[in-house]
């Protein structure tokens, strides 16, 4: 009886606890559903990536290279501090890298393998077996082979290369694989989705996606002529030569270089050669086996806003200033002069100095083009017939060693305290001392004050000032007094300076506030 009582008591307590707990019980909420619209967009984007990858796949190849190993191959892809043309001094090159990519970064052509064997990428360019890739992929190759998406491997030969842009064309006998469809790199927008395809680290048919980070990158310092597309699509060693494609499956660039921090792998900054430039070069390589560039025969400098205002142009004007004209060149025959501002060529406006160089170089020698320029407050046009680059030679003597002393002539000098500048007339003695021609006219910089506007503009003793901008016109420096009257009354001046054996440049100076 006692045992039954205990059992009943336990049952009653348990029931009471169950009843009391029902007041605190909650239904477990159902898992939230993803918004239907978001799912649909995600699926459509995923389908788009998959469709582009499937579409481009038959046109992308892996290139295997065998070459003689040499010491300079170990770092062939890394530009030196002077760049490909030696046109950037080490300090400027290092500063540019720090500015754009951080203290440890360096731009590097991203071929996989710098020894006797290497792997790169490429893509079928036409239905005749031509394949477009990078010059640094095939440079120095003794043996080439191409592997297609289906595993078929065939030998290849080099048709032509252009080291100045890092473009190359090779050829296989097979023509059964579909050529790429070419897009328009000039129409690319920053932020647009793109996909990179290639063989990073030898892994063929690798596809990565990202966006266009920037266009017209022309200060990377790898090629002589460059206007790179920058992308954050993962590009690694071995991707070199592979296509960068838009979301229509059309090729817009050739993956060519990366920025690394010492690991030689992707850091989110890749560079591609625009297809507009590359296809123009490829057609010439297929036709002639080489690229014959054209020249105008002028030295150029970007149009600074301050100089534009001095010349009577809007400060936002896109243009380039002529700072040298080669005698007998197409530019000379067309009547161009130092100080002219070029605004357009062949019906297209000037957007940048790099773009203009590329446009002229890729135009046909012997053909006549319209050139628009600004002089003496007026916009004018002229016709210019381009010449081959080997027919226009810049007569720039090697810079003579300049004595490490200031001009010692006792002739009159003029000091401009607000600019930190002192000048004196060019005499026969000074011309001989600094290597100028006897018929040169101008004033020689005799002293530059440390920390002054003149020093900030790069002026130094021995430079020759031959022109200045006055009343929106380029005026020659005929004597010290005229120059003194001009500079002494102005708070901002634009002058043309030069040194022996080198093209000159326009610099602008603003008087320091007291």
Protein backbone atom coordinates (compact mmCIF):
# COMPACT_ATOMS: atom_id res chain seq x y z
CA UNK A 1 0.00 0.00 0.00
CA UNK A 2 2.87 2.31 0.86
CA UNK A 3 4.56 1.49 -2.42
CA UNK A 4 1.38 2.30 -4.38
CA UNK A 5 1.05 5.62 -2.60
CA UNK A 6 4.58 6.64 -3.55
CA UNK A 7 3.95 5.65 -7.17
CA UNK A 8 0.73 7.61 -7.32
CA UNK A 9 2.41 10.62 -5.72
CA UNK A 10 5.19 10.53 -8.32
CA UNK A 11 2.63 10.31 -11.12
CA UNK A 12 0.70 13.31 -9.77
CA UNK A 13 3.89 15.42 -9.41
CA UNK A 14 5.00 14.54 -12.94
CA UNK A 15 1.60 15.39 -14.38
CA UNK A 16 1.52 18.69 -12.54
CA UNK A 17 4.97 19.56 -13.85
CA UNK A 18 3.91 18.70 -17.37
CA UNK A 19 0.77 20.83 -17.13
CA UNK A 20 2.65 23.79 -15.66
CA UNK A 21 5.32 23.63 -18.32
CA UNK A 22 2.83 23.93 -21.16
CA UNK A 23 2.41 27.59 -20.39
CA UNK A 24 6.09 28.25 -21.26
CA UNK A 25 6.41 26.02 -24.32
CA UNK A 26 6.98 27.75 -27.71
CA UNK A 27 6.71 26.47 -31.19
CA UNK A 28 10.07 26.22 -32.99
CA UNK A 29 9.91 28.85 -35.77
CA UNK A 30 10.23 27.62 -39.31
CA UNK A 31 13.54 28.34 -41.10
CA UNK A 32 13.31 31.68 -42.97
CA UNK A 33 13.10 31.37 -46.72
CA UNK A 34 15.50 33.19 -48.99
CA UNK A 35 13.79 35.93 -50.99
CA UNK A 36 12.65 34.47 -54.28
CA UNK A 37 13.93 37.48 -56.19
CA UNK A 38 17.43 37.13 -54.70
CA UNK A 39 17.53 33.43 -55.49
CA UNK A 40 16.47 34.07 -59.06
CA UNK A 41 19.16 36.72 -59.59
CA UNK A 42 21.83 34.49 -58.04
CA UNK A 43 20.83 31.56 -60.25
CA UNK A 44 20.81 33.74 -63.35
CA UNK A 45 24.26 35.12 -62.55
CA UNK A 46 25.58 31.63 -61.88
CA UNK A 47 24.06 30.40 -65.13
CA UNK A 48 25.67 33.31 -66.97
CA UNK A 49 29.13 32.50 -65.62
CA UNK A 50 28.66 28.86 -66.51
CA UNK A 51 27.48 29.68 -70.02
CA UNK A 52 30.44 31.99 -70.69
CA UNK A 53 32.91 29.40 -69.37
CA UNK A 54 31.39 26.69 -71.53
CA UNK A 55 31.34 28.98 -74.58
CA UNK A 56 34.97 30.12 -74.36
CA UNK A 57 36.42 26.74 -73.37
CA UNK A 58 37.02 25.30 -76.90
CA UNK A 59 39.01 28.40 -77.89
CA UNK A 60 41.48 28.49 -74.97
CA UNK A 61 44.76 26.58 -75.13
CA UNK A 62 47.69 25.73 -72.90
CA UNK A 63 51.12 26.47 -74.36
CA UNK A 64 54.13 24.40 -73.30
CA UNK A 65 57.53 25.94 -73.92
CA UNK A 66 61.02 24.48 -74.03
CA UNK A 67 63.94 26.85 -74.22
CA UNK A 68 67.56 27.12 -73.33
CA UNK A 69 67.84 28.13 -69.69
CA UNK A 70 69.87 31.26 -69.04
CA UNK A 71 70.56 33.47 -66.08
CA UNK A 72 68.51 36.37 -67.38
CA UNK A 73 65.42 34.17 -67.66
CA UNK A 74 65.26 33.85 -63.90
CA UNK A 75 63.82 37.33 -63.64
CA UNK A 76 62.90 38.03 -67.26
CA UNK A 77 59.42 39.13 -66.40
CA UNK A 78 60.32 41.74 -63.81
CA UNK A 79 61.06 45.22 -65.17
CA UNK A 80 64.10 47.05 -63.95
CA UNK A 81 63.92 50.44 -62.28
CA UNK A 82 64.34 52.20 -65.60
CA UNK A 83 61.44 50.40 -67.26
CA UNK A 84 61.59 49.06 -70.79
CA UNK A 85 62.81 52.31 -72.32
CA UNK A 86 64.92 53.63 -69.50
CA UNK A 87 62.50 56.56 -69.34
CA UNK A 88 61.89 56.48 -65.61
CA UNK A 89 64.61 56.99 -63.05
CA UNK A 90 64.86 54.58 -60.09
CA UNK A 91 63.41 57.04 -57.57
CA UNK A 92 60.37 57.76 -59.75
CA UNK A 93 59.85 54.04 -60.44
CA UNK A 94 59.98 53.13 -56.74
CA UNK A 95 57.70 56.02 -55.83
CA UNK A 96 55.19 54.95 -58.47
CA UNK A 97 55.13 51.41 -57.07
CA UNK A 98 54.67 52.65 -53.52
CA UNK A 99 51.92 55.02 -54.62
CA UNK A 100 49.87 52.45 -56.48
CA UNK A 101 50.66 49.09 -54.91
CA UNK A 102 52.30 49.49 -51.49
CA UNK A 103 55.90 49.31 -50.24
CA UNK A 104 56.61 45.68 -51.21
CA UNK A 105 54.76 45.42 -54.50
CA UNK A 106 56.16 44.94 -57.96
CA UNK A 107 54.58 44.45 -61.40
CA UNK A 108 55.57 41.17 -62.99
CA UNK A 109 54.79 39.33 -66.18
CA UNK A 110 53.12 36.23 -64.92
CA UNK A 111 54.50 33.37 -66.99
CA UNK A 112 54.74 30.09 -65.11
CA UNK A 113 58.32 28.93 -65.37
CA UNK A 114 61.43 30.99 -66.12
CA UNK A 115 63.82 28.14 -66.75
CA UNK A 116 64.12 25.61 -69.60
CA UNK A 117 60.43 24.67 -69.42
CA UNK A 118 57.37 26.80 -68.86
CA UNK A 119 53.65 26.89 -69.32
CA UNK A 120 51.50 29.72 -70.55
CA UNK A 121 48.13 30.29 -72.15
CA UNK A 122 46.68 31.50 -75.43
CA UNK A 123 43.51 31.44 -77.51
CA UNK A 124 42.49 30.60 -81.06
CA UNK A 125 42.53 33.83 -83.05
CA UNK A 126 41.21 32.77 -86.46
CA UNK A 127 40.21 29.72 -88.51
CA UNK A 128 43.70 29.35 -90.00
CA UNK A 129 45.36 27.98 -86.87
CA UNK A 130 46.73 31.27 -85.52
CA UNK A 131 46.86 31.59 -81.73
CA UNK A 132 47.30 34.85 -79.85
CA UNK A 133 49.44 34.95 -76.70
CA UNK A 134 52.14 37.00 -74.93
CA UNK A 135 55.62 37.54 -76.27
CA UNK A 136 57.15 36.64 -72.91
CA UNK A 137 55.45 33.25 -73.04
CA UNK A 138 57.17 32.19 -76.28
CA UNK A 139 60.29 34.37 -76.21
CA UNK A 140 63.43 32.33 -76.80
CA UNK A 141 61.47 29.09 -77.32
CA UNK A 142 63.23 26.21 -79.05
CA UNK A 143 60.12 24.05 -79.03
CA UNK A 144 56.44 24.88 -78.64
CA UNK A 145 53.38 22.70 -78.24
CA UNK A 146 49.72 23.58 -77.80
CA UNK A 147 47.16 21.54 -75.85
CA UNK A 148 43.48 22.11 -76.62
CA UNK A 149 40.56 21.70 -74.25
CA UNK A 150 39.95 18.10 -75.38
CA UNK A 151 43.51 17.03 -74.59
CA UNK A 152 44.79 17.14 -78.17
CA UNK A 153 48.43 18.27 -78.22
CA UNK A 154 50.06 19.57 -81.40
CA UNK A 155 53.35 21.31 -82.22
CA UNK A 156 53.35 25.06 -82.90
CA UNK A 157 55.66 27.62 -84.44
CA UNK A 158 56.14 31.33 -83.86
CA UNK A 159 54.68 33.55 -86.58
CA UNK A 160 55.76 36.90 -85.12
CA UNK A 161 56.35 38.72 -81.87
CA UNK A 162 56.24 42.31 -80.68
CA UNK A 163 58.27 42.73 -77.46
CA UNK A 164 57.29 46.40 -77.14
CA UNK A 165 53.67 45.46 -76.39
CA UNK A 166 54.27 41.85 -75.27
CA UNK A 167 52.04 40.41 -78.04
CA UNK A 168 52.87 37.28 -80.04
CA UNK A 169 51.19 35.06 -82.62
CA UNK A 170 51.94 31.35 -82.99
CA UNK A 171 50.44 28.84 -85.42
CA UNK A 172 49.33 25.21 -85.45
CA UNK A 173 48.30 23.16 -88.45
CA UNK A 174 44.93 22.26 -86.94
CA UNK A 175 42.07 24.66 -87.75
CA UNK A 176 39.11 22.71 -86.41
CA UNK A 177 38.85 24.63 -83.14
CA UNK A 178 36.56 27.62 -82.90
CA UNK A 179 38.16 31.09 -82.91
CA UNK A 180 37.21 33.53 -80.17
CA UNK A 181 34.72 36.27 -80.74
CA UNK A 182 36.38 39.66 -80.30
CA UNK A 183 34.74 42.28 -78.14
CA UNK A 184 35.55 45.98 -77.84
CA UNK A 185 37.97 46.92 -75.09
CA UNK A 186 37.29 50.61 -75.70
CA UNK A 187 33.72 50.14 -74.53
CA UNK A 188 34.62 48.46 -71.23
CA UNK A 189 33.30 50.14 -68.11
CA UNK A 190 34.91 50.11 -64.70
CA UNK A 191 32.90 47.75 -62.50
CA UNK A 192 31.87 45.48 -65.39
CA UNK A 193 32.08 41.71 -64.80
CA UNK A 194 34.88 39.87 -66.63
CA UNK A 195 36.34 36.36 -66.54
CA UNK A 196 39.97 35.26 -66.91
CA UNK A 197 40.70 31.86 -68.49
CA UNK A 198 44.03 30.10 -68.70
CA UNK A 199 46.48 27.66 -67.13
CA UNK A 200 47.69 29.10 -63.80
CA UNK A 201 50.47 26.91 -62.39
CA UNK A 202 49.86 24.52 -65.30
CA UNK A 203 46.20 23.90 -64.35
CA UNK A 204 44.51 24.11 -67.75
CA UNK A 205 41.05 25.56 -68.36
CA UNK A 206 40.95 27.44 -65.06
CA UNK A 207 38.25 30.12 -64.93
CA UNK A 208 38.15 33.02 -62.47
CA UNK A 209 35.80 35.99 -62.28
CA UNK A 210 36.06 39.59 -61.17
CA UNK A 211 35.42 43.10 -62.38
CA UNK A 212 37.21 45.68 -64.46
CA UNK A 213 39.07 47.67 -61.82
CA UNK A 214 40.44 50.35 -64.15
CA UNK A 215 41.24 51.03 -67.79
CA UNK A 216 44.10 52.78 -69.60
CA UNK A 217 46.74 51.90 -67.03
CA UNK A 218 49.76 53.29 -68.89
CA UNK A 219 52.29 53.81 -66.08
CA UNK A 220 52.87 50.21 -65.05
CA UNK A 221 56.35 50.29 -66.61
CA UNK A 222 56.46 46.81 -68.19
CA UNK A 223 55.98 47.50 -71.90
CA UNK A 224 57.09 50.33 -74.17
CA UNK A 225 53.48 50.80 -75.33
CA UNK A 226 50.85 50.00 -72.72
CA UNK A 227 47.28 50.86 -71.90
CA UNK A 228 46.34 47.99 -69.61
CA UNK A 229 42.94 46.86 -68.41
CA UNK A 230 43.20 46.27 -64.66
CA UNK A 231 41.10 43.51 -63.14
CA UNK A 232 40.68 41.77 -59.79
CA UNK A 233 39.81 38.45 -61.45
CA UNK A 234 42.41 36.03 -60.06
CA UNK A 235 45.36 35.91 -62.48
CA UNK A 236 48.39 33.85 -61.54
CA UNK A 237 51.64 32.64 -63.14
CA UNK A 238 50.63 30.61 -66.20
CA UNK A 239 47.62 32.77 -67.04
CA UNK A 240 49.82 34.84 -69.36
CA UNK A 241 48.41 34.93 -72.87
CA UNK A 242 44.97 33.71 -71.90
CA UNK A 243 41.80 35.65 -72.66
CA UNK A 244 39.96 38.13 -70.49
CA UNK A 245 36.32 37.86 -71.60
CA UNK A 246 33.16 39.86 -70.98
CA UNK A 247 29.80 38.40 -70.01
CA UNK A 248 28.93 37.90 -73.67
CA UNK A 249 31.86 35.52 -74.02
CA UNK A 250 33.79 37.98 -76.18
CA UNK A 251 37.51 38.53 -75.63
CA UNK A 252 38.35 42.03 -74.40
CA UNK A 253 41.99 41.51 -73.40
CA UNK A 254 45.04 39.28 -73.09
CA UNK A 255 46.03 38.52 -69.49
CA UNK A 256 49.62 39.64 -69.26
CA UNK A 257 50.91 40.75 -65.87
CA UNK A 258 50.23 40.84 -62.16
CA UNK A 259 51.31 42.87 -59.16
CA UNK A 260 52.89 40.77 -56.44
CA UNK A 261 54.35 41.28 -53.00
CA UNK A 262 57.14 38.79 -53.47
CA UNK A 263 55.09 35.57 -53.74
CA UNK A 264 54.57 35.75 -57.55
CA UNK A 265 50.90 34.92 -57.00
CA UNK A 266 47.64 36.83 -57.24
CA UNK A 267 47.20 39.92 -55.09
CA UNK A 268 43.98 41.13 -56.66
CA UNK A 269 45.71 43.28 -59.29
CA UNK A 270 46.04 41.83 -62.77
CA UNK A 271 46.69 43.53 -66.10
CA UNK A 272 45.43 42.65 -69.57
CA UNK A 273 46.41 44.06 -72.97
CA UNK A 274 43.29 45.55 -74.61
CA UNK A 275 42.04 43.43 -77.51
CA UNK A 276 41.63 46.52 -79.70
CA UNK A 277 45.40 47.03 -79.55
CA UNK A 278 46.30 43.35 -79.58
CA UNK A 279 44.19 42.42 -82.61
CA UNK A 280 45.63 45.32 -84.61
CA UNK A 281 49.12 44.05 -83.84
CA UNK A 282 48.18 40.43 -84.44
CA UNK A 283 46.92 41.23 -87.94
CA UNK A 284 50.25 42.92 -88.73
CA UNK A 285 52.25 40.01 -87.32
CA UNK A 286 50.25 37.52 -89.39
CA UNK A 287 50.63 39.63 -92.53
CA UNK A 288 54.25 40.80 -92.17
CA UNK A 289 55.79 38.72 -89.40
CA UNK A 290 56.66 41.92 -87.54
CA UNK A 291 55.19 45.26 -86.49
CA UNK A 292 56.25 48.30 -88.49
CA UNK A 293 55.42 51.34 -86.41
CA UNK A 294 54.90 54.89 -87.57
CA UNK A 295 56.35 58.10 -86.19
CA UNK A 296 55.35 61.72 -86.22
CA UNK A 297 58.70 63.07 -85.06
CA UNK A 298 57.80 65.04 -81.97
CA UNK A 299 58.62 64.96 -78.29
CA UNK A 300 55.60 65.28 -76.02
CA UNK A 301 54.61 66.24 -72.51
CA UNK A 302 51.14 66.17 -70.92
CA UNK A 303 49.18 69.42 -70.88
CA UNK A 304 49.11 70.57 -67.25
CA UNK A 305 46.05 72.59 -66.13
CA UNK A 306 48.20 75.58 -65.20
CA UNK A 307 49.88 75.64 -68.62
CA UNK A 308 46.48 75.25 -70.33
CA UNK A 309 45.24 78.37 -68.56
CA UNK A 310 48.43 80.23 -69.47
CA UNK A 311 47.83 79.40 -73.14
CA UNK A 312 44.17 80.46 -73.02
CA UNK A 313 42.67 76.97 -72.89
CA UNK A 314 40.24 75.56 -70.38
CA UNK A 315 42.13 73.97 -67.49
CA UNK A 316 40.28 70.68 -68.11
CA UNK A 317 41.36 70.47 -71.76
CA UNK A 318 42.79 67.09 -72.81
CA UNK A 319 45.87 67.61 -74.90
CA UNK A 320 49.61 67.14 -75.20
CA UNK A 321 52.29 69.76 -75.65
CA UNK A 322 54.94 69.53 -78.36
CA UNK A 323 58.33 70.01 -76.73
CA UNK A 324 60.53 68.88 -79.62
CA UNK A 325 60.24 68.67 -83.41
CA UNK A 326 62.69 66.54 -85.37
CA UNK A 327 63.98 68.35 -88.43
CA UNK A 328 62.70 66.84 -91.66
CA UNK A 329 60.14 64.69 -89.82
CA UNK A 330 56.43 64.43 -90.73
CA UNK A 331 55.67 66.88 -87.91
CA UNK A 332 58.24 69.35 -89.21
CA UNK A 333 56.86 69.08 -92.76
CA UNK A 334 53.33 69.63 -91.42
CA UNK A 335 54.45 72.87 -89.76
CA UNK A 336 54.21 71.86 -86.11
CA UNK A 337 56.24 73.92 -83.63
CA UNK A 338 57.41 73.62 -80.06
CA UNK A 339 54.59 74.82 -77.81
CA UNK A 340 51.74 73.61 -80.01
CA UNK A 341 49.05 71.71 -78.12
CA UNK A 342 47.81 68.65 -79.99
CA UNK A 343 44.08 68.16 -79.43
CA UNK A 344 43.13 65.48 -81.95
CA UNK A 345 44.46 62.95 -84.46
CA UNK A 346 42.69 61.13 -87.29
CA UNK A 347 39.32 62.46 -86.17
CA UNK A 348 39.67 61.27 -82.57
CA UNK A 349 40.26 63.59 -79.60
CA UNK A 350 43.44 63.23 -77.57
CA UNK A 351 42.67 61.53 -74.27
CA UNK A 352 46.17 60.94 -72.94
CA UNK A 353 49.79 60.98 -74.02
CA UNK A 354 50.04 57.18 -73.90
CA UNK A 355 46.91 56.70 -76.00
CA UNK A 356 48.17 59.21 -78.57
CA UNK A 357 51.54 57.43 -78.86
CA UNK A 358 49.80 54.13 -79.43
CA UNK A 359 47.41 55.61 -81.97
CA UNK A 360 50.21 57.18 -84.02
CA UNK A 361 52.50 54.15 -83.76
CA UNK A 362 49.77 51.76 -84.91
CA UNK A 363 48.69 53.94 -87.85
CA UNK A 364 49.97 53.19 -91.34
CA UNK A 365 53.18 54.82 -92.53
CA UNK A 366 52.75 56.67 -95.81
CA UNK A 367 49.14 57.50 -95.04
CA UNK A 368 47.94 61.06 -94.45
CA UNK A 369 45.94 61.95 -91.35
CA UNK A 370 44.31 65.10 -90.04
CA UNK A 371 45.86 66.58 -86.92
CA UNK A 372 44.16 69.22 -84.77
CA UNK A 373 46.29 71.54 -82.67
CA UNK A 374 46.13 74.82 -80.75
CA UNK A 375 48.52 77.73 -81.28
CA UNK A 376 48.43 81.44 -80.46
CA UNK A 377 44.88 81.33 -79.18
CA UNK A 378 43.46 79.50 -82.19
CA UNK A 379 42.54 75.89 -82.93
CA UNK A 380 43.98 74.83 -86.28
CA UNK A 381 44.22 71.69 -88.42
CA UNK A 382 46.94 70.32 -90.65
CA UNK A 383 47.58 67.17 -92.65
CA UNK A 384 50.46 64.93 -91.66
CA UNK A 385 51.88 61.96 -93.57
CA UNK A 386 53.41 59.49 -91.13
CA UNK A 387 56.79 57.85 -91.70
CA UNK A 388 58.23 54.52 -90.59
CA UNK A 389 59.97 54.68 -87.24
CA UNK A 390 63.33 53.83 -88.80
CA UNK A 391 63.01 56.93 -91.01
CA UNK A 392 62.55 59.37 -88.11
CA UNK A 393 65.52 59.44 -85.78
CA UNK A 394 65.64 61.73 -82.77
CA UNK A 395 69.00 63.43 -82.91
CA UNK A 396 69.67 63.40 -79.20
CA UNK A 397 73.34 63.26 -78.39
CA UNK A 398 74.48 61.53 -75.28
CA UNK A 399 74.29 63.97 -72.46
CA UNK A 400 77.69 65.47 -71.97
CA UNK A 401 79.08 65.33 -68.48
CA UNK A 402 78.11 68.63 -66.99
CA UNK A 403 80.69 70.29 -64.75
CA UNK A 404 79.65 70.12 -61.13
CA UNK A 405 79.68 73.86 -60.72
CA UNK A 406 77.50 76.83 -61.41
CA UNK A 407 78.08 79.16 -64.38
CA UNK A 408 81.12 81.33 -63.66
CA UNK A 409 80.55 84.03 -66.27
CA UNK A 410 80.64 87.58 -64.97
CA UNK A 411 77.85 88.77 -67.26
CA UNK A 412 74.69 90.39 -65.88
CA UNK A 413 72.34 88.20 -63.89
CA UNK A 414 68.70 88.52 -62.90
CA UNK A 415 67.33 87.16 -59.65
CA UNK A 416 63.65 86.33 -59.11
CA UNK A 417 63.34 85.92 -55.37
CA UNK A 418 59.70 84.79 -55.36
CA UNK A 419 60.57 81.85 -57.59
CA UNK A 420 63.96 81.09 -56.06
CA UNK A 421 65.56 81.47 -59.48
CA UNK A 422 68.56 83.28 -60.92
CA UNK A 423 69.37 83.43 -64.64
CA UNK A 424 71.92 85.02 -66.97
CA UNK A 425 72.28 85.37 -70.75
CA UNK A 426 73.68 82.47 -72.74
CA UNK A 427 77.18 83.43 -73.82
CA UNK A 428 79.63 81.57 -76.07
CA UNK A 429 81.56 80.57 -72.94
CA UNK A 430 78.44 79.12 -71.25
CA UNK A 431 77.31 77.41 -74.46
CA UNK A 432 80.67 75.64 -74.63
CA UNK A 433 80.58 74.84 -70.90
CA UNK A 434 77.14 73.22 -71.04
CA UNK A 435 77.22 71.80 -74.55
CA UNK A 436 74.75 74.11 -76.30
CA UNK A 437 74.94 75.12 -79.94
CA UNK A 438 76.47 78.50 -80.76
CA UNK A 439 73.24 79.68 -82.38
CA UNK A 440 71.09 78.83 -79.35
CA UNK A 441 69.32 81.77 -77.71
CA UNK A 442 67.97 82.07 -74.18
CA UNK A 443 68.95 82.50 -70.56
CA UNK A 444 70.85 80.00 -68.46
CA UNK A 445 69.77 79.04 -64.95
CA UNK A 446 72.68 80.17 -62.77
CA UNK A 447 71.26 79.42 -59.32
CA UNK A 448 68.26 77.73 -57.70
CA UNK A 449 67.29 78.34 -54.09
CA UNK A 450 66.68 75.18 -52.00
CA UNK A 451 63.01 74.66 -51.17
CA UNK A 452 61.89 77.17 -53.78
CA UNK A 453 59.24 76.78 -56.52
CA UNK A 454 62.07 76.56 -59.06
CA UNK A 455 63.63 73.60 -57.25
CA UNK A 456 60.23 71.92 -56.90
CA UNK A 457 59.80 72.21 -60.69
CA UNK A 458 63.12 70.44 -61.27
CA UNK A 459 65.16 73.44 -62.39
CA UNK A 460 68.88 73.35 -61.78
CA UNK A 461 71.97 75.34 -62.79
CA UNK A 462 72.95 74.89 -66.41
CA UNK A 463 69.46 74.43 -67.85
CA UNK A 464 68.58 76.74 -70.71
CA UNK A 465 65.29 78.67 -70.84
CA UNK A 466 64.45 79.43 -74.47
CA UNK A 467 60.70 80.21 -74.47
CA UNK A 468 57.95 81.52 -72.26
CA UNK A 469 54.18 81.93 -72.46
CA UNK A 470 52.92 85.49 -72.64
CA UNK A 471 49.49 86.74 -73.67
CA UNK A 472 48.50 83.14 -74.42
CA UNK A 473 51.30 82.78 -76.99
CA UNK A 474 54.69 81.08 -77.06
CA UNK A 475 57.39 83.77 -77.06
CA UNK A 476 61.13 83.24 -77.64
CA UNK A 477 63.59 84.47 -75.02
CA UNK A 478 65.57 87.04 -77.00
CA UNK A 479 67.37 88.85 -74.19
CA UNK A 480 67.62 89.01 -70.42
CA UNK A 481 65.68 92.25 -70.05
CA UNK A 482 62.56 91.02 -71.87
CA UNK A 483 62.58 87.84 -69.77
CA UNK A 484 63.14 89.88 -66.62
CA UNK A 485 60.21 92.17 -67.40
CA UNK A 486 57.93 89.17 -67.97
CA UNK A 487 58.86 87.08 -64.96
CA UNK A 488 59.26 89.97 -62.55
CA UNK A 489 55.68 91.16 -63.02
CA UNK A 490 53.91 87.79 -63.01
CA UNK A 491 52.76 85.66 -60.09
CA UNK A 492 52.65 82.56 -62.26
CA UNK A 493 54.83 81.79 -65.28
CA UNK A 494 55.28 79.00 -67.83
CA UNK A 495 58.75 78.53 -69.34
CA UNK A 496 60.38 76.06 -71.70
CA UNK A 497 63.64 74.57 -70.40
CA UNK A 498 66.12 72.19 -71.99
CA UNK A 499 69.51 70.64 -71.48
CA UNK A 500 72.14 69.63 -73.98
CA UNK A 501 71.27 66.54 -76.01
CA UNK A 502 67.79 66.14 -74.51
CA UNK A 503 64.30 67.28 -75.50
CA UNK A 504 62.95 70.22 -73.54
CA UNK A 505 59.79 70.59 -71.49
CA UNK A 506 57.41 73.26 -70.29
CA UNK A 507 57.32 73.91 -66.56
CA UNK A 508 55.03 76.21 -64.62
CA UNK A 509 56.13 78.21 -61.59
CA UNK A 510 53.96 79.94 -59.01
CA UNK A 511 55.53 82.67 -56.94
CA UNK A 512 55.95 81.70 -53.30
CA UNK A 513 53.80 83.64 -50.87
CA UNK A 514 55.72 85.77 -48.38
